[in-house]
PDB file of N, CA and C in Angstrom:
ATOM      1  N   ALA A   1      43.206 177.446-236.861  1.00  0.00           N
ATOM      2  CA  ALA A   1      42.860 176.707-238.340  1.00  0.00           C
ATOM      3  C   ALA A   1      41.891 175.567-237.899  1.00  0.00           C
ATOM      4  N   ARG A   2      41.015 175.783-238.553  1.00  0.00           N
ATOM      5  CA  ARG A   2      39.978 174.433-238.735  1.00  0.00           C
ATOM      6  C   ARG A   2      40.256 173.148-239.645  1.00  0.00           C
ATOM      7  N   SER A   3      40.387 172.120-239.066  1.00  0.00           N
ATOM      8  CA  SER A   3      40.736 170.788-239.610  1.00  0.00           C
ATOM      9  C   SER A   3      39.763 170.609-241.072  1.00  0.00           C
ATOM     10  N   ALA A   4      40.687 170.005-241.855  1.00  0.00           N
ATOM     11  CA  ALA A   4      40.088 169.863-243.113  1.00  0.00           C
ATOM     12  C   ALA A   4      38.870 168.762-243.007  1.00  0.00           C
ATOM     13  N   ALA A   5      37.793 168.849-243.846  1.00  0.00           N
ATOM     14  CA  ALA A   5      36.625 168.185-243.880  1.00  0.00           C
ATOM     15  C   ALA A   5      36.952 166.640-243.513  1.00  0.00           C
ATOM     16  N   PRO A   6      35.906 165.813-243.192  1.00  0.00           N
ATOM     17  CA  PRO A   6      36.075 164.552-242.775  1.00  0.00           C
ATOM     18  C   PRO A   6      36.070 163.593-244.350  1.00  0.00           C
ATOM     19  N   GLU A   7      36.695 162.671-244.155  1.00  0.00           N
ATOM     20  CA  GLU A   7      36.906 161.926-245.386  1.00  0.00           C
ATOM     21  C   GLU A   7      35.354 161.042-245.576  1.00  0.00           C
ATOM     22  N   PRO A   8      34.832 161.359-246.765  1.00  0.00           N
ATOM     23  CA  PRO A   8      33.632 160.557-247.035  1.00  0.00           C
ATOM     24  C   PRO A   8      33.556 159.255-246.774  1.00  0.00           C
ATOM     25  N   PHE A   9      32.344 158.722-246.951  1.00  0.00           N
ATOM     26  CA  PHE A   9      32.276 157.053-246.399  1.00  0.00           C
ATOM     27  C   PHE A   9      31.349 156.648-247.262  1.00  0.00           C
ATOM     28  N   ASP A  10      31.133 155.715-247.742  1.00  0.00           N
ATOM     29  CA  ASP A  10      29.843 155.073-248.496  1.00  0.00           C
ATOM     30  C   ASP A  10      28.909 154.542-247.750  1.00  0.00           C
ATOM     31  N   LEU A  11      29.128 153.772-246.642  1.00  0.00           N
ATOM     32  CA  LEU A  11      28.553 152.721-245.746  1.00  0.00           C
ATOM     33  C   LEU A  11      28.795 152.827-244.204  1.00  0.00           C
ATOM     34  N   VAL A  12      28.137 152.508-243.402  1.00  0.00           N
ATOM     35  CA  VAL A  12      28.334 152.499-241.888  1.00  0.00           C
ATOM     36  C   VAL A  12      27.657 151.256-241.455  1.00  0.00           C
ATOM     37  N   LEU A  13      28.522 150.391-240.831  1.00  0.00           N
ATOM     38  CA  LEU A  13      28.318 149.446-240.226  1.00  0.00           C
ATOM     39  C   LEU A  13      28.126 149.652-238.538  1.00  0.00           C
ATOM     40  N   MET A  14      26.712 149.673-237.905  1.00  0.00           N
ATOM     41  CA  MET A  14      26.542 150.180-236.972  1.00  0.00           C
ATOM     42  C   MET A  14      26.040 149.134-235.762  1.00  0.00           C
ATOM     43  N   ASP A  15      26.808 148.725-234.675  1.00  0.00           N
ATOM     44  CA  ASP A  15      26.614 148.135-233.508  1.00  0.00           C
ATOM     45  C   ASP A  15      25.051 148.727-233.031  1.00  0.00           C
ATOM     46  N   VAL A  16      24.486 148.182-232.711  1.00  0.00           N
ATOM     47  CA  VAL A  16      23.090 148.484-232.317  1.00  0.00           C
ATOM     48  C   VAL A  16      23.112 148.698-230.520  1.00  0.00           C
ATOM     49  N   MET A  17      24.081 147.719-230.259  1.00  0.00           N
ATOM     50  CA  MET A  17      23.793 148.135-228.557  1.00  0.00           C
ATOM     51  C   MET A  17      25.749 148.405-228.042  1.00  0.00           C
ATOM     52  N   MET A  18      25.459 149.553-228.364  1.00  0.00           N
ATOM     53  CA  MET A  18      26.923 150.276-227.635  1.00  0.00           C
ATOM     54  C   MET A  18      26.411 150.925-226.584  1.00  0.00           C
ATOM     55  N   PRO A  19      27.760 151.260-225.712  1.00  0.00           N
ATOM     56  CA  PRO A  19      27.347 151.612-224.444  1.00  0.00           C
ATOM     57  C   PRO A  19      27.197 153.202-224.480  1.00  0.00           C
ATOM     58  N   GLU A  20      26.369 154.239-223.845  1.00  0.00           N
ATOM     59  CA  GLU A  20      26.166 155.255-223.349  1.00  0.00           C
ATOM     60  C   GLU A  20      25.290 155.554-224.436  1.00  0.00           C
ATOM     61  N   VAL A  21      25.741 155.886-225.985  1.00  0.00           N
ATOM     62  CA  VAL A  21      24.550 156.276-227.160  1.00  0.00           C
ATOM     63  C   VAL A  21      24.356 155.002-227.689  1.00  0.00           C
ATOM     64  N   ASP A  22      23.382 154.253-227.930  1.00  0.00           N
ATOM     65  CA  ASP A  22      23.319 153.096-228.439  1.00  0.00           C
ATOM     66  C   ASP A  22      23.355 153.204-229.928  1.00  0.00           C
ATOM     67  N   GLY A  23      23.101 152.216-230.914  1.00  0.00           N
ATOM     68  CA  GLY A  23      23.338 152.465-232.237  1.00  0.00           C
ATOM     69  C   GLY A  23      22.272 153.054-233.228  1.00  0.00           C
ATOM     70  N   LEU A  24      21.031 152.919-232.297  1.00  0.00           N
ATOM     71  CA  LEU A  24      19.560 153.426-232.644  1.00  0.00           C
ATOM     72  C   LEU A  24      19.858 154.939-232.720  1.00  0.00           C
ATOM     73  N   GLU A  25      20.503 155.694-231.521  1.00  0.00           N
ATOM     74  CA  GLU A  25      20.391 156.972-231.380  1.00  0.00           C
ATOM     75  C   GLU A  25      21.685 157.355-232.147  1.00  0.00           C
ATOM     76  N   ALA A  26      22.778 156.843-232.233  1.00  0.00           N
ATOM     77  CA  ALA A  26      23.767 157.190-232.814  1.00  0.00           C
ATOM     78  C   ALA A  26      23.384 157.412-234.644  1.00  0.00           C
ATOM     79  N   THR A  27      22.418 156.594-235.298  1.00  0.00           N
ATOM     80  CA  THR A  27      21.824 156.339-236.532  1.00  0.00           C
ATOM     81  C   THR A  27      21.165 157.933-236.574  1.00  0.00           C
ATOM     82  N   ARG A  28      20.263 157.954-235.682  1.00  0.00           N
ATOM     83  CA  ARG A  28      19.399 159.186-235.548  1.00  0.00           C
ATOM     84  C   ARG A  28      20.259 160.292-236.034  1.00  0.00           C
ATOM     85  N   HIS A  29      21.450 160.315-235.061  1.00  0.00           N
ATOM     86  CA  HIS A  29      22.386 161.717-235.186  1.00  0.00           C
ATOM     87  C   HIS A  29      22.761 161.768-236.392  1.00  0.00           C
ATOM     88  N   LEU A  30      23.158 160.627-237.164  1.00  0.00           N
ATOM     89  CA  LEU A  30      23.970 160.696-238.360  1.00  0.00           C
ATOM     90  C   LEU A  30      22.781 160.944-239.228  1.00  0.00           C
ATOM     91  N   LYS A  31      21.803 160.567-239.466  1.00  0.00           N
ATOM     92  CA  LYS A  31      20.716 160.352-240.722  1.00  0.00           C
ATOM     93  C   LYS A  31      20.076 162.139-240.224  1.00  0.00           C
ATOM     94  N   ALA A  32      20.308 162.606-239.260  1.00  0.00           N
ATOM     95  CA  ALA A  32      19.950 164.066-239.189  1.00  0.00           C
ATOM     96  C   ALA A  32      20.809 165.208-239.695  1.00  0.00           C
ATOM     97  N   ASP A  33      21.998 164.573-240.061  1.00  0.00           N
ATOM     98  CA  ASP A  33      23.043 165.507-240.651  1.00  0.00           C
ATOM     99  C   ASP A  33      22.972 165.230-242.061  1.00  0.00           C
ATOM    100  N   PRO A  34      22.199 166.557-243.032  1.00  0.00           N
ATOM    101  CA  PRO A  34      22.311 166.308-244.423  1.00  0.00           C
ATOM    102  C   PRO A  34      23.515 165.833-245.352  1.00  0.00           C
ATOM    103  N   ARG A  35      24.829 165.709-244.701  1.00  0.00           N
ATOM    104  CA  ARG A  35      25.986 165.194-245.626  1.00  0.00           C
ATOM    105  C   ARG A  35      25.689 163.740-245.433  1.00  0.00           C
ATOM    106  N   TYR A  36      24.939 163.026-244.305  1.00  0.00           N
ATOM    107  CA  TYR A  36      24.904 161.739-244.399  1.00  0.00           C
ATOM    108  C   TYR A  36      23.630 161.280-244.787  1.00  0.00           C
ATOM    109  N   THR A  37      22.874 161.858-245.133  1.00  0.00           N
ATOM    110  CA  THR A  37      21.192 161.111-244.932  1.00  0.00           C
ATOM    111  C   THR A  37      21.208 159.998-246.086  1.00  0.00           C
ATOM    112  N   ALA A  38      21.820 160.282-247.355  1.00  0.00           N
ATOM    113  CA  ALA A  38      22.049 159.111-248.334  1.00  0.00           C
ATOM    114  C   ALA A  38      23.166 157.871-247.822  1.00  0.00           C
ATOM    115  N   VAL A  39      23.763 157.740-246.813  1.00  0.00           N
ATOM    116  CA  VAL A  39      24.828 157.006-246.552  1.00  0.00           C
ATOM    117  C   VAL A  39      23.990 155.959-245.904  1.00  0.00           C
ATOM    118  N   PRO A  40      24.068 154.781-246.526  1.00  0.00           N
ATOM    119  CA  PRO A  40      23.200 153.332-246.037  1.00  0.00           C
ATOM    120  C   PRO A  40      23.692 153.182-244.575  1.00  0.00           C
ATOM    121  N   VAL A  41      23.135 152.942-243.488  1.00  0.00           N
ATOM    122  CA  VAL A  41      23.624 152.345-242.269  1.00  0.00           C
ATOM    123  C   VAL A  41      22.936 150.889-242.139  1.00  0.00           C
ATOM    124  N   VAL A  42      23.987 150.053-241.773  1.00  0.00           N
ATOM    125  CA  VAL A  42      23.574 148.323-241.548  1.00  0.00           C
ATOM    126  C   VAL A  42      23.671 147.945-240.143  1.00  0.00           C
ATOM    127  N   GLY A  43      22.745 147.873-239.166  1.00  0.00           N
ATOM    128  CA  GLY A  43      22.605 147.622-237.967  1.00  0.00           C
ATOM    129  C   GLY A  43      23.076 146.227-237.755  1.00  0.00           C
ATOM    130  N   ILE A  44      23.900 145.949-236.405  1.00  0.00           N
ATOM    131  CA  ILE A  44      24.243 144.759-236.383  1.00  0.00           C
ATOM    132  C   ILE A  44      23.840 144.619-235.024  1.00  0.00           C
ATOM    133  N   THR A  45      23.359 143.400-234.831  1.00  0.00           N
ATOM    134  CA  THR A  45      22.539 143.285-233.391  1.00  0.00           C
ATOM    135  C   THR A  45      21.977 141.512-232.954  1.00  0.00           C
ATOM    136  N   GLY A  46      22.136 141.273-231.968  1.00  0.00           N
ATOM    137  CA  GLY A  46      21.703 139.947-231.447  1.00  0.00           C
ATOM    138  C   GLY A  46      20.157 140.040-231.457  1.00  0.00           C
ATOM    139  N   ASN A  47      19.433 141.163-231.314  1.00  0.00           N
ATOM    140  CA  ASN A  47      18.384 141.358-231.362  1.00  0.00           C
ATOM    141  C   ASN A  47      17.746 141.162-232.752  1.00  0.00           C
ATOM    142  N   CYS A  48      17.276 140.141-233.467  1.00  0.00           N
ATOM    143  CA  CYS A  48      16.752 140.483-234.569  1.00  0.00           C
ATOM    144  C   CYS A  48      15.513 140.011-234.971  1.00  0.00           C
ATOM    145  N   ASP A  49      14.737 140.083-233.785  1.00  0.00           N
ATOM    146  CA  ASP A  49      13.218 140.002-234.057  1.00  0.00           C
ATOM    147  C   ASP A  49      12.369 140.779-234.618  1.00  0.00           C
ATOM    148  N   ALA A  50      11.452 140.441-234.990  1.00  0.00           N
ATOM    149  CA  ALA A  50      10.393 141.860-235.643  1.00  0.00           C
ATOM    150  C   ALA A  50      10.382 143.307-235.224  1.00  0.00           C
ATOM    151  N   GLU A  51      10.382 143.124-233.987  1.00  0.00           N
ATOM    152  CA  GLU A  51      10.312 144.081-233.152  1.00  0.00           C
ATOM    153  C   GLU A  51      11.902 145.101-233.118  1.00  0.00           C
ATOM    154  N   GLY A  52      12.922 144.167-232.766  1.00  0.00           N
ATOM    155  CA  GLY A  52      14.099 144.990-233.343  1.00  0.00           C
ATOM    156  C   GLY A  52      14.568 145.334-234.422  1.00  0.00           C
ATOM    157  N   THR A  53      14.067 144.542-235.429  1.00  0.00           N
ATOM    158  CA  THR A  53      14.462 144.924-236.758  1.00  0.00           C
ATOM    159  C   THR A  53      13.593 146.313-237.013  1.00  0.00           C
ATOM    160  N   ARG A  54      12.139 146.377-236.913  1.00  0.00           N
ATOM    161  CA  ARG A  54      11.572 147.642-237.142  1.00  0.00           C
ATOM    162  C   ARG A  54      11.983 148.847-236.313  1.00  0.00           C
ATOM    163  N   ALA A  55      12.196 148.857-234.986  1.00  0.00           N
ATOM    164  CA  ALA A  55      13.179 149.947-234.365  1.00  0.00           C
ATOM    165  C   ALA A  55      14.686 150.353-235.199  1.00  0.00           C
ATOM    166  N   CYS A  56      15.265 149.577-235.931  1.00  0.00           N
ATOM    167  CA  CYS A  56      16.288 149.447-236.547  1.00  0.00           C
ATOM    168  C   CYS A  56      15.821 150.786-237.610  1.00  0.00           C
ATOM    169  N   VAL A  57      14.704 150.148-238.523  1.00  0.00           N
ATOM    170  CA  VAL A  57      14.443 150.576-239.654  1.00  0.00           C
ATOM    171  C   VAL A  57      13.952 152.118-239.230  1.00  0.00           C
ATOM    172  N   GLU A  58      13.131 151.892-238.485  1.00  0.00           N
ATOM    173  CA  GLU A  58      12.587 153.416-237.792  1.00  0.00           C
ATOM    174  C   GLU A  58      13.726 154.309-237.809  1.00  0.00           C
ATOM    175  N   ALA A  59      14.988 154.031-236.992  1.00  0.00           N
ATOM    176  CA  ALA A  59      16.164 155.053-236.851  1.00  0.00           C
ATOM    177  C   ALA A  59      16.631 155.415-238.116  1.00  0.00           C
ATOM    178  N   GLY A  60      16.470 154.640-239.129  1.00  0.00           N
ATOM    179  CA  GLY A  60      16.857 155.121-240.462  1.00  0.00           C
ATOM    180  C   GLY A  60      18.118 154.112-240.905  1.00  0.00           C
ATOM    181  N   MET A  61      18.020 152.609-240.439  1.00  0.00           N
ATOM    182  CA  MET A  61      19.169 151.985-241.057  1.00  0.00           C
ATOM    183  C   MET A  61      18.351 151.302-241.994  1.00  0.00           C
ATOM    184  N   SER A  62      19.261 151.222-242.911  1.00  0.00           N
ATOM    185  CA  SER A  62      19.163 150.495-244.306  1.00  0.00           C
ATOM    186  C   SER A  62      19.071 148.931-244.472  1.00  0.00           C
ATOM    187  N   GLY A  63      19.554 148.286-243.507  1.00  0.00           N
ATOM    188  CA  GLY A  63      19.527 146.923-243.317  1.00  0.00           C
ATOM    189  C   GLY A  63      19.646 146.378-241.620  1.00  0.00           C
ATOM    190  N   VAL A  64      19.671 145.089-241.590  1.00  0.00           N
ATOM    191  CA  VAL A  64      19.735 144.564-240.315  1.00  0.00           C
ATOM    192  C   VAL A  64      20.755 143.476-240.460  1.00  0.00           C
ATOM    193  N   LEU A  65      21.763 143.097-239.781  1.00  0.00           N
ATOM    194  CA  LEU A  65      22.175 141.813-239.935  1.00  0.00           C
ATOM    195  C   LEU A  65      22.294 141.293-238.241  1.00  0.00           C
ATOM    196  N   GLY A  66      21.953 140.103-238.006  1.00  0.00           N
ATOM    197  CA  GLY A  66      21.801 139.709-236.922  1.00  0.00           C
ATOM    198  C   GLY A  66      23.094 138.858-236.241  1.00  0.00           C
ATOM    199  N   LYS A  67      23.523 138.610-235.306  1.00  0.00           N
ATOM    200  CA  LYS A  67      24.853 137.986-234.597  1.00  0.00           C
ATOM    201  C   LYS A  67      24.480 136.664-234.411  1.00  0.00           C
ATOM    202  N   PRO A  68      25.357 135.736-234.286  1.00  0.00           N
ATOM    203  CA  PRO A  68      26.671 135.943-235.329  1.00  0.00           C
ATOM    204  C   PRO A  68      26.154 136.006-236.524  1.00  0.00           C
ATOM    205  N   ILE A  69      27.391 136.917-237.099  1.00  0.00           N
ATOM    206  CA  ILE A  69      27.142 137.268-238.628  1.00  0.00           C
ATOM    207  C   ILE A  69      27.534 136.154-239.529  1.00  0.00           C
ATOM    208  N   ASP A  70      26.582 136.014-240.339  1.00  0.00           N
ATOM    209  CA  ASP A  70      26.676 135.306-241.719  1.00  0.00           C
ATOM    210  C   ASP A  70      27.364 136.211-242.679  1.00  0.00           C
ATOM    211  N   THR A  71      28.695 136.024-242.991  1.00  0.00           N
ATOM    212  CA  THR A  71      29.577 136.649-243.516  1.00  0.00           C
ATOM    213  C   THR A  71      28.870 136.792-245.030  1.00  0.00           C
ATOM    214  N   ALA A  72      28.465 135.698-245.803  1.00  0.00           N
ATOM    215  CA  ALA A  72      28.153 135.675-246.982  1.00  0.00           C
ATOM    216  C   ALA A  72      26.814 136.399-247.363  1.00  0.00           C
ATOM    217  N   ALA A  73      26.035 136.470-246.178  1.00  0.00           N
ATOM    218  CA  ALA A  73      24.877 137.493-246.268  1.00  0.00           C
ATOM    219  C   ALA A  73      25.096 138.761-245.983  1.00  0.00           C
ATOM    220  N   MET A  74      26.229 139.230-245.281  1.00  0.00           N
ATOM    221  CA  MET A  74      26.702 140.141-244.852  1.00  0.00           C
ATOM    222  C   MET A  74      27.271 141.080-246.024  1.00  0.00           C
ATOM    223  N   PHE A  75      28.055 140.301-247.000  1.00  0.00           N
ATOM    224  CA  PHE A  75      28.742 140.561-248.094  1.00  0.00           C
ATOM    225  C   PHE A  75      27.548 140.857-249.194  1.00  0.00           C
ATOM    226  N   GLN A  76      26.726 140.090-249.067  1.00  0.00           N
ATOM    227  CA  GLN A  76      25.786 140.291-250.252  1.00  0.00           C
ATOM    228  C   GLN A  76      24.699 141.602-250.042  1.00  0.00           C
ATOM    229  N   MET A  77      24.625 141.978-248.750  1.00  0.00           N
ATOM    230  CA  MET A  77      24.035 143.072-248.189  1.00  0.00           C
ATOM    231  C   MET A  77      24.656 144.283-248.393  1.00  0.00           C
ATOM    232  N   LEU A  78      25.870 144.223-248.240  1.00  0.00           N
ATOM    233  CA  LEU A  78      26.875 145.148-248.548  1.00  0.00           C
ATOM    234  C   LEU A  78      26.913 145.872-250.202  1.00  0.00           C
ATOM    235  N   GLN A  79      27.132 144.650-250.708  1.00  0.00           N
ATOM    236  CA  GLN A  79      27.098 144.596-252.383  1.00  0.00           C
ATOM    237  C   GLN A  79      25.776 145.548-253.131  1.00  0.00           C
ATOM    238  N   ARG A  80      24.782 144.823-252.322  1.00  0.00           N
ATOM    239  CA  ARG A  80      23.524 145.337-252.688  1.00  0.00           C
ATOM    240  C   ARG A  80      23.405 146.893-252.549  1.00  0.00           C
ATOM    241  N   LEU A  81      23.665 147.288-251.105  1.00  0.00           N
ATOM    242  CA  LEU A  81      23.648 148.795-250.840  1.00  0.00           C
ATOM    243  C   LEU A  81      24.452 149.791-251.459  1.00  0.00           C
ATOM    244  N   LEU A  82      25.823 149.377-251.748  1.00  0.00           N
ATOM    245  CA  LEU A  82      26.837 149.859-252.344  1.00  0.00           C
ATOM    246  C   LEU A  82      26.480 149.983-253.914  1.00  0.00           C
ATOM    247  N   GLU A  83      25.778 148.983-254.504  1.00  0.00           N
ATOM    248  CA  GLU A  83      25.525 149.395-255.760  1.00  0.00           C
ATOM    249  C   GLU A  83      24.398 150.120-255.996  1.00  0.00           C
ATOM    250  N   ALA A  84      23.365 150.234-254.892  1.00  0.00           N
ATOM    251  CA  ALA A  84      22.334 151.068-255.192  1.00  0.00           C
ATOM    252  C   ALA A  84      22.707 152.659-254.763  1.00  0.00           C
ATOM    253  N   THR A  85      23.838 152.747-254.248  1.00  0.00           N
ATOM    254  CA  THR A  85      24.548 154.554-254.199  1.00  0.00           C
ATOM    255  C   THR A  85      25.686 154.722-254.845  1.00  0.00           C
ATOM    256  N   SER A  86      26.007 153.699-255.599  1.00  0.00           N
ATOM    257  CA  SER A  86      27.259 153.781-256.326  1.00  0.00           C
ATOM    258  C   SER A  86      27.210 154.857-257.635  1.00  0.00           C
ATOM    259  N   GLU A  87      25.972 155.324-258.029  1.00  0.00           N
ATOM    260  CA  GLU A  87      25.843 156.178-258.956  1.00  0.00           C
ATOM    261  C   GLU A  87      26.029 157.674-258.552  1.00  0.00           C
ATOM    262  N   SER A  88      26.247 157.918-257.064  1.00  0.00           N
ATOM    263  CA  SER A  88      26.504 159.152-256.565  1.00  0.00           C
ATOM    264  C   SER A  88      27.609 158.835-255.733  1.00  0.00           C
ATOM    265  N   ALA A  89      28.542 157.985-255.970  1.00  0.00           N
ATOM    266  CA  ALA A  89      29.522 157.904-255.292  1.00  0.00           C
ATOM    267  C   ALA A  89      30.837 158.832-255.366  1.00  0.00           C
ATOM    268  N   SER A  90      31.766 159.101-254.819  1.00  0.00           N
ATOM    269  CA  SER A  90      32.613 160.045-254.970  1.00  0.00           C
ATOM    270  C   SER A  90      33.667 159.174-255.761  1.00  0.00           C
ATOM    271  N   PRO A  91      34.748 160.191-256.602  1.00  0.00           N
ATOM    272  CA  PRO A  91      35.612 159.245-257.180  1.00  0.00           C
ATOM    273  C   PRO A  91      36.634 158.385-256.067  1.00  0.00           C
ATOM    274  N   ASN A  92      36.666 158.875-254.668  1.00  0.00           N
ATOM    275  CA  ASN A  92      37.344 158.466-253.853  1.00  0.00           C
ATOM    276  C   ASN A  92      36.714 157.270-253.050  1.00  0.00           C
ATOM    277  N   SER A  93      35.491 156.634-253.739  1.00  0.00           N
ATOM    278  CA  SER A  93      34.877 155.445-253.171  1.00  0.00           C
ATOM    279  C   SER A  93      35.642 154.306-253.176  1.00  0.00           C
ATOM    280  N   VAL A  94      35.566 153.489-252.097  1.00  0.00           N
ATOM    281  CA  VAL A  94      36.331 152.218-252.046  1.00  0.00           C
ATOM    282  C   VAL A  94      35.853 151.280-252.765  1.00  0.00           C
ATOM    283  N   ASP A  95      36.356 150.565-253.781  1.00  0.00           N
ATOM    284  CA  ASP A  95      36.338 149.317-254.414  1.00  0.00           C
ATOM    285  C   ASP A  95      35.319 148.200-253.817  1.00  0.00           C
ATOM    286  N   LEU A  96      34.805 147.314-254.046  1.00  0.00           N
ATOM    287  CA  LEU A  96      33.943 146.533-253.381  1.00  0.00           C
ATOM    288  C   LEU A  96      35.101 145.453-253.309  1.00  0.00           C
ATOM    289  N   ALA A  97      35.558 145.207-254.069  1.00  0.00           N
ATOM    290  CA  ALA A  97      36.871 144.072-253.961  1.00  0.00           C
ATOM    291  C   ALA A  97      37.705 144.275-252.570  1.00  0.00           C
ATOM    292  N   GLU A  98      38.079 145.381-252.472  1.00  0.00           N
ATOM    293  CA  GLU A  98      39.053 145.726-251.715  1.00  0.00           C
ATOM    294  C   GLU A  98      38.105 146.031-250.116  1.00  0.00           C
ATOM    295  N   LEU A  99      37.020 146.502-250.338  1.00  0.00           N
ATOM    296  CA  LEU A  99      36.125 146.302-249.022  1.00  0.00           C
ATOM    297  C   LEU A  99      36.062 144.958-248.823  1.00  0.00           C
ATOM    298  N   THR A 100      35.360 144.046-249.269  1.00  0.00           N
ATOM    299  CA  THR A 100      35.452 142.871-248.889  1.00  0.00           C
ATOM    300  C   THR A 100      36.497 142.096-248.582  1.00  0.00           C
ATOM    301  N   TRP A 101      37.843 142.198-248.849  1.00  0.00           N
ATOM    302  CA  TRP A 101      38.878 141.653-248.470  1.00  0.00           C
ATOM    303  C   TRP A 101      39.356 142.073-246.934  1.00  0.00           C
ATOM    304  N   VAL A 102      39.398 143.590-246.969  1.00  0.00           N
ATOM    305  CA  VAL A 102      39.430 144.130-245.762  1.00  0.00           C
ATOM    306  C   VAL A 102      38.263 143.787-244.577  1.00  0.00           C
ATOM    307  N   GLY A 103      37.227 143.681-245.128  1.00  0.00           N
ATOM    308  CA  GLY A 103      36.036 143.461-244.158  1.00  0.00           C
ATOM    309  C   GLY A 103      36.269 141.858-243.832  1.00  0.00           C
ATOM    310  N   LEU A 104      36.531 140.953-244.633  1.00  0.00           N
ATOM    311  CA  LEU A 104      36.685 139.728-244.264  1.00  0.00           C
ATOM    312  C   LEU A 104      37.749 139.374-243.080  1.00  0.00           C
ATOM    313  N   ASN A 105      38.779 140.372-243.651  1.00  0.00           N
ATOM    314  CA  ASN A 105      39.852 140.129-242.066  1.00  0.00           C
ATOM    315  C   ASN A 105      39.942 140.270-241.330  1.00  0.00           C
ATOM    316  N   GLN A 106      38.807 141.725-241.264  1.00  0.00           N
ATOM    317  CA  GLN A 106      38.795 142.250-240.005  1.00  0.00           C
ATOM    318  C   GLN A 106      37.661 141.291-239.459  1.00  0.00           C
ATOM    319  N   VAL A 107      36.398 140.963-239.992  1.00  0.00           N
ATOM    320  CA  VAL A 107      35.285 139.951-239.266  1.00  0.00           C
ATOM    321  C   VAL A 107      35.810 138.640-238.889  1.00  0.00           C
ATOM    322  N   ASN A 108      37.182 138.476-239.408  1.00  0.00           N
ATOM    323  CA  ASN A 108      37.443 136.796-238.872  1.00  0.00           C
ATOM    324  C   ASN A 108      38.470 137.005-237.478  1.00  0.00           C
ATOM    325  N   GLN A 109      39.078 138.262-237.661  1.00  0.00           N
ATOM    326  CA  GLN A 109      39.856 138.826-236.324  1.00  0.00           C
ATOM    327  C   GLN A 109      39.062 138.816-235.140  1.00  0.00           C
ATOM    328  N   ARG A 110      37.504 139.343-235.425  1.00  0.00           N
ATOM    329  CA  ARG A 110      36.976 139.785-234.313  1.00  0.00           C
ATOM    330  C   ARG A 110      36.171 138.282-233.997  1.00  0.00           C
ATOM    331  N   MET A 111      36.114 137.527-234.654  1.00  0.00           N
ATOM    332  CA  MET A 111      35.135 135.973-234.189  1.00  0.00           C
ATOM    333  C   MET A 111      35.769 135.202-233.560  1.00  0.00           C
TER     334      MET A 111
END
């Protein structure tokens, strides 16, 4: 028996510098799948210069955040991207207030 379809998601936070498959390549693969072409991908990188940002955008990312992460800027970007896609959001979409609370706790644990 096949497993159920994966749960839909509203946004991806993508580390650009991952081992084996970097975030640029992972984003290209994600965006090549018709199910995920409209899902915003936000790159997180320590290389936020013009060339690094251009590479992220060319790979299909909707935005780029530099490390260390400015949480206020991150939440502003997430809100902007989620609001832009909310018209096509599924009924199971995450509420932004819930996402912010969970995200802030996870970000604080990692820093």
